[in-house]
């Protein structure tokens, strides 16, 4: 794993912890799920 991907992984976890602390975990989970679904749909569309 490269430096860039390690940094992104660390920051994603950091932001998850921050969202839980601020009480916004539900919003973050919803946005992540929507982003994954959109990515999968676009992948199928342009395959």
Protein backbone atom coordinates (compact mmCIF):
# COMPACT_ATOMS: atom_id res chain seq x y z
CA UNK A 1 0.00 0.00 0.00
CA UNK A 2 1.38 3.38 -0.97
CA UNK A 3 1.67 6.49 1.12
CA UNK A 4 -1.27 8.19 -0.57
CA UNK A 5 -3.70 5.29 -0.06
CA UNK A 6 -2.55 4.88 3.55
CA UNK A 7 -3.16 8.56 4.18
CA UNK A 8 -6.64 8.40 2.64
CA UNK A 9 -7.52 5.35 4.74
CA UNK A 10 -6.34 7.09 7.91
CA UNK A 11 -8.31 10.23 7.11
CA UNK A 12 -11.47 8.25 6.34
CA UNK A 13 -11.26 6.60 9.77
CA UNK A 14 -10.49 9.95 11.40
CA UNK A 15 -13.57 11.50 9.79
CA UNK A 16 -15.73 8.55 10.89
CA UNK A 17 -14.62 9.07 14.49
CA UNK A 18 -15.25 12.82 14.19
CA UNK A 19 -18.76 12.21 12.80
CA UNK A 20 -19.59 9.88 15.70
CA UNK A 21 -18.35 12.48 18.18
CA UNK A 22 -20.48 15.21 16.61
CA UNK A 23 -23.54 12.98 16.24
CA UNK A 24 -23.54 12.94 12.44
CA UNK A 25 -22.71 9.27 11.88
CA UNK A 26 -26.09 8.51 10.30
CA UNK A 27 -25.65 11.20 7.65
CA UNK A 28 -22.13 10.00 6.89
CA UNK A 29 -23.21 6.37 6.54
CA UNK A 30 -26.06 7.42 4.24
CA UNK A 31 -23.77 9.47 2.02
CA UNK A 32 -21.24 6.66 1.81
CA UNK A 33 -23.92 4.13 0.84
CA UNK A 34 -25.31 6.51 -1.79
CA UNK A 35 -21.82 7.07 -3.19
CA UNK A 36 -21.13 3.35 -3.44
CA UNK A 37 -24.48 2.70 -5.15
CA UNK A 38 -23.86 5.54 -7.62
CA UNK A 39 -20.39 4.22 -8.37
CA UNK A 40 -21.72 0.72 -9.04
CA UNK A 41 -24.50 2.05 -11.29
CA UNK A 42 -22.07 4.17 -13.31
CA UNK A 43 -19.68 1.23 -13.62
CA UNK A 44 -22.45 -0.92 -15.08
CA UNK A 45 -23.58 1.90 -17.37
CA UNK A 46 -20.13 2.53 -18.89
CA UNK A 47 -18.93 -1.07 -18.94
